[in-house]
Amino acid sequence: MRPKIYGVQPKENRLVHVFFDDGYVRVYDANMLIQRGGIFQQLDDDIIFFERCTVMNGTLAWDLTGQRDPEECVDICPDTIFERCPIVPQDQIA
């Protein structure tokens, strides 16, 4: 059974620490997503990136409308985060 995401913490340089219930923290880099443009371009806005970053739909998401509507968000497949994102060393978690 795959660990579940229980928290996220947006960081500088469009990185996000993603907290899993197995005790590990992985880092997601949103820069490639932003470069795709379209709806993802909204993540380049500081208010959206930092204030609307949340756990929704069981994964890292950005609540684009502020209404907690799971249909109005940008979310990342939790398998992608777990399988492809590097683990953050303990001394870098704040």
N, C-alpha and C. Protein backbone atom coordinates (compact mmCIF):
# COMPACT_ATOMS: atom_id res chain seq x y z
N MET A 1 0.85 -1.18 0.00
CA MET A 1 0.00 0.00 0.00
C MET A 1 0.89 1.25 0.00
N ARG A 2 0.58 2.17 -0.89
CA ARG A 2 1.37 3.39 -1.02
C ARG A 2 1.08 4.34 0.15
N PRO A 3 2.14 4.99 0.69
CA PRO A 3 1.92 5.98 1.75
C PRO A 3 1.02 7.11 1.27
N LYS A 4 0.33 7.72 2.19
CA LYS A 4 -0.59 8.81 1.87
C LYS A 4 0.04 10.17 2.17
N ILE A 5 -0.35 11.15 1.37
CA ILE A 5 0.11 12.53 1.58
C ILE A 5 -0.77 13.16 2.64
N TYR A 6 -0.14 13.78 3.65
CA TYR A 6 -0.92 14.44 4.68
C TYR A 6 -0.61 15.93 4.81
N GLY A 7 0.43 16.41 4.13
CA GLY A 7 0.75 17.82 4.23
C GLY A 7 1.66 18.27 3.10
N VAL A 8 1.61 19.57 2.83
CA VAL A 8 2.47 20.17 1.82
C VAL A 8 2.98 21.51 2.34
N GLN A 9 4.16 21.89 1.89
CA GLN A 9 4.74 23.17 2.30
C GLN A 9 5.44 23.79 1.09
N PRO A 10 4.85 24.86 0.51
CA PRO A 10 5.50 25.50 -0.63
C PRO A 10 6.78 26.19 -0.19
N LYS A 11 7.77 26.14 -1.06
CA LYS A 11 9.09 26.70 -0.78
C LYS A 11 9.48 27.67 -1.89
N GLU A 12 10.60 28.33 -1.71
CA GLU A 12 11.14 29.22 -2.74
C GLU A 12 11.46 28.42 -4.00
N ASN A 13 11.63 29.12 -5.10
CA ASN A 13 12.01 28.53 -6.39
C ASN A 13 10.99 27.54 -6.92
N ARG A 14 9.73 27.70 -6.49
CA ARG A 14 8.61 26.88 -6.97
C ARG A 14 8.78 25.40 -6.64
N LEU A 15 9.34 25.14 -5.46
CA LEU A 15 9.46 23.79 -4.94
C LEU A 15 8.41 23.59 -3.85
N VAL A 16 8.00 22.36 -3.64
CA VAL A 16 7.04 22.04 -2.58
C VAL A 16 7.52 20.80 -1.84
N HIS A 17 7.58 20.89 -0.52
CA HIS A 17 7.84 19.71 0.30
C HIS A 17 6.50 19.00 0.49
N VAL A 18 6.49 17.71 0.18
CA VAL A 18 5.28 16.90 0.27
C VAL A 18 5.51 15.85 1.36
N PHE A 19 4.67 15.88 2.40
CA PHE A 19 4.82 15.03 3.57
C PHE A 19 3.96 13.77 3.44
N PHE A 20 4.61 12.61 3.54
CA PHE A 20 3.93 11.32 3.46
C PHE A 20 3.82 10.71 4.86
N ASP A 21 2.80 9.89 5.05
CA ASP A 21 2.59 9.28 6.36
C ASP A 21 3.57 8.15 6.68
N ASP A 22 4.52 7.87 5.78
CA ASP A 22 5.57 6.89 6.08
C ASP A 22 6.78 7.57 6.72
N GLY A 23 6.67 8.88 6.95
CA GLY A 23 7.75 9.63 7.59
C GLY A 23 8.67 10.35 6.62
N TYR A 24 8.55 10.08 5.34
CA TYR A 24 9.41 10.72 4.35
C TYR A 24 8.77 11.99 3.80
N VAL A 25 9.65 12.90 3.42
CA VAL A 25 9.24 14.13 2.76
C VAL A 25 9.91 14.13 1.40
N ARG A 26 9.13 14.38 0.37
CA ARG A 26 9.68 14.45 -0.99
C ARG A 26 9.51 15.87 -1.50
N VAL A 27 10.36 16.24 -2.45
CA VAL A 27 10.30 17.60 -3.00
C VAL A 27 9.79 17.55 -4.44
N TYR A 28 8.73 18.33 -4.68
CA TYR A 28 8.16 18.43 -6.02
C TYR A 28 8.59 19.78 -6.61
N ASP A 29 9.11 19.74 -7.82
CA ASP A 29 9.54 20.94 -8.53
C ASP A 29 8.45 21.31 -9.54
N ALA A 30 7.77 22.42 -9.30
CA ALA A 30 6.66 22.85 -10.16
C ALA A 30 7.11 23.65 -11.37
N ASN A 31 8.40 23.91 -11.51
CA ASN A 31 8.88 24.73 -12.62
C ASN A 31 8.55 24.16 -13.99
N MET A 32 8.71 22.86 -14.18
CA MET A 32 8.42 22.25 -15.47
C MET A 32 6.93 22.37 -15.79
N LEU A 33 6.11 22.25 -14.78
CA LEU A 33 4.67 22.38 -14.96
C LEU A 33 4.32 23.80 -15.41
N ILE A 34 4.91 24.78 -14.76
CA ILE A 34 4.66 26.18 -15.10
C ILE A 34 5.09 26.46 -16.54
N GLN A 35 6.19 25.89 -16.95
CA GLN A 35 6.70 26.12 -18.31
C GLN A 35 5.76 25.57 -19.38
N ARG A 36 4.91 24.63 -19.02
CA ARG A 36 3.93 24.09 -19.98
C ARG A 36 2.91 25.15 -20.40
N GLY A 37 2.71 26.15 -19.51
CA GLY A 37 1.75 27.20 -19.81
C GLY A 37 0.32 26.75 -19.54
N GLY A 38 -0.62 27.42 -20.19
CA GLY A 38 -2.03 27.11 -19.99
C GLY A 38 -2.44 27.33 -18.55
N ILE A 39 -3.25 26.43 -18.03
CA ILE A 39 -3.72 26.54 -16.65
C ILE A 39 -2.58 26.51 -15.65
N PHE A 40 -1.49 25.82 -16.01
CA PHE A 40 -0.35 25.70 -15.10
C PHE A 40 0.39 27.02 -14.90
N GLN A 41 0.26 27.94 -15.84
CA GLN A 41 0.91 29.25 -15.74
C GLN A 41 0.48 29.99 -14.47
N GLN A 42 -0.73 29.69 -13.98
CA GLN A 42 -1.23 30.34 -12.78
C GLN A 42 -0.35 30.07 -11.56
N LEU A 43 0.39 28.96 -11.59
CA LEU A 43 1.26 28.61 -10.46
C LEU A 43 2.46 29.53 -10.34
N ASP A 44 2.69 30.34 -11.36
CA ASP A 44 3.78 31.31 -11.31
C ASP A 44 3.41 32.55 -10.49
N ASP A 45 2.14 32.69 -10.15
CA ASP A 45 1.65 33.78 -9.31
C ASP A 45 1.93 33.42 -7.85
N ASP A 46 2.60 34.31 -7.12
CA ASP A 46 2.97 34.02 -5.73
C ASP A 46 1.77 33.71 -4.85
N ILE A 47 0.68 34.42 -5.02
CA ILE A 47 -0.50 34.17 -4.18
C ILE A 47 -1.03 32.76 -4.43
N ILE A 48 -1.16 32.40 -5.69
CA ILE A 48 -1.65 31.04 -6.01
C ILE A 48 -0.66 30.00 -5.50
N PHE A 49 0.62 30.18 -5.81
CA PHE A 49 1.60 29.15 -5.46
C PHE A 49 1.72 28.96 -3.95
N PHE A 50 1.86 30.05 -3.21
CA PHE A 50 2.12 29.93 -1.78
C PHE A 50 0.85 29.81 -0.93
N GLU A 51 -0.19 30.56 -1.24
CA GLU A 51 -1.36 30.60 -0.38
C GLU A 51 -2.42 29.56 -0.72
N ARG A 52 -2.39 29.05 -1.94
CA ARG A 52 -3.42 28.08 -2.35
C ARG A 52 -2.87 26.67 -2.50
N CYS A 53 -1.65 26.47 -2.11
CA CYS A 53 -1.04 25.14 -2.12
C CYS A 53 -1.64 24.35 -0.95
N THR A 54 -2.13 23.14 -1.23
CA THR A 54 -2.86 22.39 -0.23
C THR A 54 -2.85 20.90 -0.56
N VAL A 55 -3.46 20.12 0.30
CA VAL A 55 -3.74 18.72 0.00
C VAL A 55 -5.22 18.65 -0.38
N MET A 56 -5.48 18.20 -1.60
CA MET A 56 -6.84 18.05 -2.10
C MET A 56 -6.84 16.84 -3.02
N ASN A 57 -7.92 16.12 -3.07
CA ASN A 57 -7.99 14.90 -3.88
C ASN A 57 -6.92 13.89 -3.47
N GLY A 58 -6.46 13.96 -2.21
CA GLY A 58 -5.46 13.03 -1.70
C GLY A 58 -4.05 13.30 -2.18
N THR A 59 -3.80 14.52 -2.69
CA THR A 59 -2.48 14.81 -3.22
C THR A 59 -2.17 16.30 -3.17
N LEU A 60 -0.97 16.65 -3.59
CA LEU A 60 -0.56 18.05 -3.73
C LEU A 60 -1.46 18.72 -4.75
N ALA A 61 -2.01 19.88 -4.38
CA ALA A 61 -2.90 20.60 -5.29
C ALA A 61 -2.80 22.09 -5.02
N TRP A 62 -3.25 22.84 -6.01
CA TRP A 62 -3.41 24.29 -5.86
C TRP A 62 -4.88 24.58 -6.09
N ASP A 63 -5.51 25.15 -5.07
CA ASP A 63 -6.93 25.49 -5.08
C ASP A 63 -7.08 26.82 -5.83
N LEU A 64 -7.34 26.76 -7.12
CA LEU A 64 -7.31 27.95 -7.97
C LEU A 64 -8.39 28.97 -7.63
N THR A 65 -9.55 28.53 -7.17
CA THR A 65 -10.65 29.46 -6.89
C THR A 65 -10.74 29.86 -5.42
N GLY A 66 -10.07 29.14 -4.55
CA GLY A 66 -10.18 29.41 -3.12
C GLY A 66 -11.45 28.85 -2.51
N GLN A 67 -12.20 28.05 -3.26
CA GLN A 67 -13.48 27.51 -2.80
C GLN A 67 -13.41 26.03 -2.39
N ARG A 68 -12.20 25.46 -2.39
CA ARG A 68 -11.98 24.05 -2.06
C ARG A 68 -12.80 23.13 -2.98
N ASP A 69 -12.95 23.54 -4.23
CA ASP A 69 -13.66 22.76 -5.22
C ASP A 69 -12.66 21.83 -5.90
N PRO A 70 -12.78 20.51 -5.69
CA PRO A 70 -11.80 19.59 -6.27
C PRO A 70 -11.79 19.59 -7.80
N GLU A 71 -12.83 20.15 -8.42
CA GLU A 71 -12.87 20.25 -9.88
C GLU A 71 -12.15 21.49 -10.38
N GLU A 72 -11.87 22.44 -9.49
CA GLU A 72 -11.24 23.71 -9.86
C GLU A 72 -9.86 23.82 -9.21
N CYS A 73 -9.05 22.82 -9.47
CA CYS A 73 -7.71 22.84 -8.90
C CYS A 73 -6.73 22.24 -9.90
N VAL A 74 -5.47 22.49 -9.64
CA VAL A 74 -4.40 21.80 -10.35
C VAL A 74 -3.84 20.81 -9.34
N ASP A 75 -3.89 19.53 -9.65
CA ASP A 75 -3.34 18.55 -8.72
C ASP A 75 -2.37 17.63 -9.44
N ILE A 76 -1.48 17.05 -8.66
CA ILE A 76 -0.40 16.22 -9.18
C ILE A 76 -0.67 14.77 -8.76
N CYS A 77 -0.51 13.87 -9.68
CA CYS A 77 -0.72 12.45 -9.37
C CYS A 77 0.18 12.05 -8.19
N PRO A 78 -0.40 11.49 -7.12
CA PRO A 78 0.43 11.12 -5.98
C PRO A 78 1.47 10.06 -6.31
N ASP A 79 1.18 9.19 -7.28
CA ASP A 79 2.17 8.19 -7.69
C ASP A 79 3.40 8.87 -8.30
N THR A 80 3.17 9.92 -9.07
CA THR A 80 4.27 10.67 -9.67
C THR A 80 5.17 11.24 -8.58
N ILE A 81 4.56 11.83 -7.57
CA ILE A 81 5.35 12.42 -6.48
C ILE A 81 6.14 11.34 -5.75
N PHE A 82 5.46 10.25 -5.40
CA PHE A 82 6.11 9.18 -4.65
C PHE A 82 7.23 8.50 -5.43
N GLU A 83 7.00 8.26 -6.71
CA GLU A 83 7.96 7.49 -7.51
C GLU A 83 9.07 8.32 -8.13
N ARG A 84 8.81 9.59 -8.42
CA ARG A 84 9.78 10.37 -9.18
C ARG A 84 10.45 11.51 -8.43
N CYS A 85 9.90 11.91 -7.31
CA CYS A 85 10.45 13.06 -6.58
C CYS A 85 11.45 12.59 -5.52
N PRO A 86 12.55 13.31 -5.42
CA PRO A 86 13.57 12.91 -4.45
C PRO A 86 13.12 13.15 -3.00
N ILE A 87 13.68 12.35 -2.11
CA ILE A 87 13.45 12.51 -0.68
C ILE A 87 14.27 13.69 -0.18
N VAL A 88 13.65 14.50 0.67
CA VAL A 88 14.32 15.65 1.26
C VAL A 88 15.10 15.15 2.48
N PRO A 89 16.41 15.46 2.54
CA PRO A 89 17.17 15.08 3.73
C PRO A 89 16.59 15.73 4.98
N GLN A 90 16.62 15.02 6.10
CA GLN A 90 16.04 15.50 7.35
C GLN A 90 16.53 16.88 7.77
N ASP A 91 17.81 17.19 7.51
CA ASP A 91 18.35 18.48 7.93
C ASP A 91 17.87 19.64 7.06
N GLN A 92 17.11 19.36 5.98
CA GLN A 92 16.60 20.40 5.11
C GLN A 92 15.10 20.63 5.28
N ILE A 93 14.49 19.91 6.21
CA ILE A 93 13.07 20.06 6.46
C ILE A 93 12.88 21.09 7.57
N ALA A 94 12.07 22.10 7.23
CA ALA A 94 11.80 23.16 8.23
C ALA A 94 10.33 23.36 8.40
